[in-house]
């Protein structure tokens, strides 16, 4: 499978204790993704390795502790620190109904045309996790990247199904 066939649901931020429990940043809004027995994947080089969830406890504020089958000690946990926790895109599509009528996945945003002040700025090429939230990376026709905080006051997603986003950035944000 290729990277495009996986969807990020979390990021491993560290180890907790000596038994291989992982500290994670939770990206998914669907809590059921972390139920015991579910499959998740972690990229190792150019391969994706499958793991089964043994246990998850939500720590609040988009963080949690996760135990995966096969990660049994602190060294193993630390060796995958910084890795993304993934599910297959087919699994995400199967559970799309859990998002609600106005909901969308982050992978729906990638490839959207971004408009500001009636002009096309570029295409959303990535979404980056920042300390206080997510940031859209928008690439214009020349290859120049713009970073726009993915907040409701600046990004209108009403036409996401038509692959369009409307930006209302703060003054000067795009002038850099």
Protein backbone atom coordinates (compact mmCIF):
# COMPACT_ATOMS: atom_id res chain seq x y z
CA UNK A 1 0.00 0.00 0.00
CA UNK A 2 1.09 3.58 -0.58
CA UNK A 3 1.03 6.55 1.81
CA UNK A 4 -2.12 7.87 0.08
CA UNK A 5 -3.97 4.75 1.21
CA UNK A 6 -3.57 5.59 4.91
CA UNK A 7 -5.16 8.23 7.12
CA UNK A 8 -3.42 9.72 10.15
CA UNK A 9 -5.36 9.41 13.41
CA UNK A 10 -2.58 10.24 15.86
CA UNK A 11 1.08 10.97 16.45
CA UNK A 12 3.27 9.11 18.95
CA UNK A 13 4.77 11.74 21.24
CA UNK A 14 6.65 9.56 23.73
CA UNK A 15 6.71 6.58 26.05
CA UNK A 16 4.87 6.19 29.35
CA UNK A 17 6.31 3.81 31.90
CA UNK A 18 8.37 0.71 31.26
CA UNK A 19 5.83 -1.59 29.55
CA UNK A 20 5.72 0.04 26.10
CA UNK A 21 2.71 2.28 26.57
CA UNK A 22 2.72 5.17 24.13
CA UNK A 23 1.82 8.80 24.70
CA UNK A 24 -0.12 10.00 21.67
CA UNK A 25 -1.55 13.18 20.23
CA UNK A 26 -5.06 12.24 19.08
CA UNK A 27 -6.00 13.69 15.71
CA UNK A 28 -9.20 11.76 14.99
CA UNK A 29 -12.53 13.02 16.30
CA UNK A 30 -13.88 9.46 16.25
CA UNK A 31 -12.98 7.93 19.61
CA UNK A 32 -13.97 4.43 18.50
CA UNK A 33 -10.83 4.33 16.35
CA UNK A 34 -8.86 3.56 19.54
CA UNK A 35 -10.98 0.66 20.85
CA UNK A 36 -9.21 -2.54 21.88
CA UNK A 37 -8.83 -4.96 18.99
CA UNK A 38 -8.76 -2.32 16.25
CA UNK A 39 -5.95 -2.37 13.71
CA UNK A 40 -3.58 0.57 13.29
CA UNK A 41 -0.43 1.01 11.23
CA UNK A 42 2.93 2.67 11.78
CA UNK A 43 5.31 3.45 8.96
CA UNK A 44 8.76 1.85 9.26
CA UNK A 45 10.91 3.12 6.39
CA UNK A 46 8.95 2.42 3.23
CA UNK A 47 6.77 -0.27 4.84
CA UNK A 48 3.65 -0.04 6.99
CA UNK A 49 3.50 -2.39 9.94
CA UNK A 50 0.16 -3.45 11.40
CA UNK A 51 -0.51 -3.43 15.16
CA UNK A 52 -3.55 -4.31 17.26
CA UNK A 53 -4.72 -1.99 20.00
CA UNK A 54 -4.62 -3.63 23.41
CA UNK A 55 -5.80 -0.67 25.47
CA UNK A 56 -6.36 3.09 25.18
CA UNK A 57 -7.06 5.67 27.86
CA UNK A 58 -8.07 9.19 26.93
CA UNK A 59 -6.08 11.80 28.84
CA UNK A 60 -8.16 14.71 27.54
CA UNK A 61 -7.02 17.70 25.50
CA UNK A 62 -6.42 15.48 22.43
CA UNK A 63 -3.95 13.20 24.17
CA UNK A 64 -4.01 9.64 25.41
CA UNK A 65 -2.07 6.54 26.41
CA UNK A 66 -2.04 3.63 24.00
CA UNK A 67 -0.82 0.05 24.36
CA UNK A 68 -0.12 -1.82 21.13
CA UNK A 69 0.48 -5.53 20.65
CA UNK A 70 4.20 -6.05 20.00
CA UNK A 71 5.40 -2.87 21.71
CA UNK A 72 6.37 -4.35 25.08
CA UNK A 73 9.03 -2.13 26.60
CA UNK A 74 10.14 1.49 26.89
CA UNK A 75 12.91 1.12 24.30
CA UNK A 76 10.45 -0.18 21.68
CA UNK A 77 8.07 2.68 22.49
CA UNK A 78 10.81 5.30 22.26
CA UNK A 79 12.02 3.86 18.93
CA UNK A 80 8.73 4.92 17.28
CA UNK A 81 8.40 8.31 18.98
CA UNK A 82 7.41 10.88 16.34
CA UNK A 83 5.74 8.26 14.12
CA UNK A 84 2.23 8.73 12.84
CA UNK A 85 -0.54 6.36 13.90
CA UNK A 86 -2.52 5.40 10.79
CA UNK A 87 -5.61 3.55 9.63
CA UNK A 88 -6.42 2.40 6.11
CA UNK A 89 -8.34 4.95 4.06
CA UNK A 90 -10.94 2.27 3.31
CA UNK A 91 -11.64 2.07 7.08
CA UNK A 92 -12.04 5.85 7.22
CA UNK A 93 -14.50 5.74 4.33
CA UNK A 94 -16.44 2.91 5.99
CA UNK A 95 -16.98 5.10 9.06
CA UNK A 96 -17.65 8.40 7.22
CA UNK A 97 -21.21 8.40 8.56
CA UNK A 98 -19.85 9.00 12.08
CA UNK A 99 -18.74 12.48 10.96
CA UNK A 100 -22.25 13.83 10.51
CA UNK A 101 -23.68 15.77 7.58
CA UNK A 102 -21.26 18.71 7.76
CA UNK A 103 -18.24 16.60 8.74
CA UNK A 104 -15.19 15.81 6.67
CA UNK A 105 -11.84 14.12 6.98
CA UNK A 106 -8.60 16.02 6.82
CA UNK A 107 -7.66 14.06 3.70
CA UNK A 108 -10.72 15.66 2.05
CA UNK A 109 -9.00 19.05 2.45
CA UNK A 110 -5.78 18.05 0.68
CA UNK A 111 -6.13 19.10 -2.96
CA UNK A 112 -8.80 21.74 -2.31
CA UNK A 113 -8.43 25.03 -4.16
CA UNK A 114 -7.96 27.89 -1.68
CA UNK A 115 -9.45 31.29 -2.48
CA UNK A 116 -8.95 34.63 -0.76
CA UNK A 117 -10.55 37.95 -1.66
CA UNK A 118 -12.07 36.36 -4.76
CA UNK A 119 -8.69 35.19 -6.08
CA UNK A 120 -7.33 31.66 -6.19
CA UNK A 121 -4.31 31.50 -3.87
CA UNK A 122 -3.33 27.89 -4.55
CA UNK A 123 -3.98 24.28 -3.57
CA UNK A 124 -3.94 22.83 -0.06
CA UNK A 125 -0.89 20.55 -0.19
CA UNK A 126 -0.67 19.50 3.47
CA UNK A 127 -1.95 19.99 7.00
CA UNK A 128 0.67 20.44 9.69
CA UNK A 129 0.28 20.00 13.42
CA UNK A 130 1.42 23.12 15.27
CA UNK A 131 1.62 23.75 19.00
CA UNK A 132 -1.78 25.41 19.21
CA UNK A 133 -3.60 23.65 16.38
CA UNK A 134 -3.41 22.72 12.73
CA UNK A 135 -1.99 24.84 9.91
CA UNK A 136 -2.92 24.52 6.24
CA UNK A 137 -0.02 24.52 3.79
CA UNK A 138 -1.19 26.13 0.56
CA UNK A 139 1.03 25.95 -2.51
CA UNK A 140 0.58 28.51 -5.29
CA UNK A 141 1.30 28.04 -9.02
CA UNK A 142 4.96 29.07 -8.57
CA UNK A 143 5.57 26.51 -5.83
CA UNK A 144 5.53 29.08 -3.02
CA UNK A 145 3.99 27.82 0.24
CA UNK A 146 1.68 29.82 2.49
CA UNK A 147 0.81 28.75 6.01
CA UNK A 148 -2.69 29.57 7.26
CA UNK A 149 -3.98 28.60 10.71
CA UNK A 150 -6.83 26.13 10.27
CA UNK A 151 -9.30 28.00 12.46
CA UNK A 152 -12.96 28.71 11.79
CA UNK A 153 -12.43 32.48 11.78
CA UNK A 154 -9.97 32.19 8.85
CA UNK A 155 -11.05 29.09 6.88
CA UNK A 156 -14.55 28.56 5.48
CA UNK A 157 -15.15 24.91 4.56
CA UNK A 158 -18.77 25.19 3.33
CA UNK A 159 -17.83 24.12 -0.24
CA UNK A 160 -15.39 21.37 0.72
CA UNK A 161 -17.44 18.81 -1.22
CA UNK A 162 -16.66 20.90 -4.33
CA UNK A 163 -12.94 20.91 -3.31
CA UNK A 164 -12.99 24.65 -2.46
CA UNK A 165 -11.96 26.54 0.68
CA UNK A 166 -12.36 30.26 1.31
CA UNK A 167 -9.73 32.04 3.38
CA UNK A 168 -10.08 35.23 5.38
CA UNK A 169 -6.58 35.55 6.86
CA UNK A 170 -5.57 38.28 9.27
CA UNK A 171 -4.02 41.34 7.63
CA UNK A 172 -0.45 40.73 6.47
CA UNK A 173 -0.45 36.93 6.96
CA UNK A 174 -0.01 36.20 3.24
CA UNK A 175 2.34 39.13 2.59
CA UNK A 176 5.40 37.41 4.02
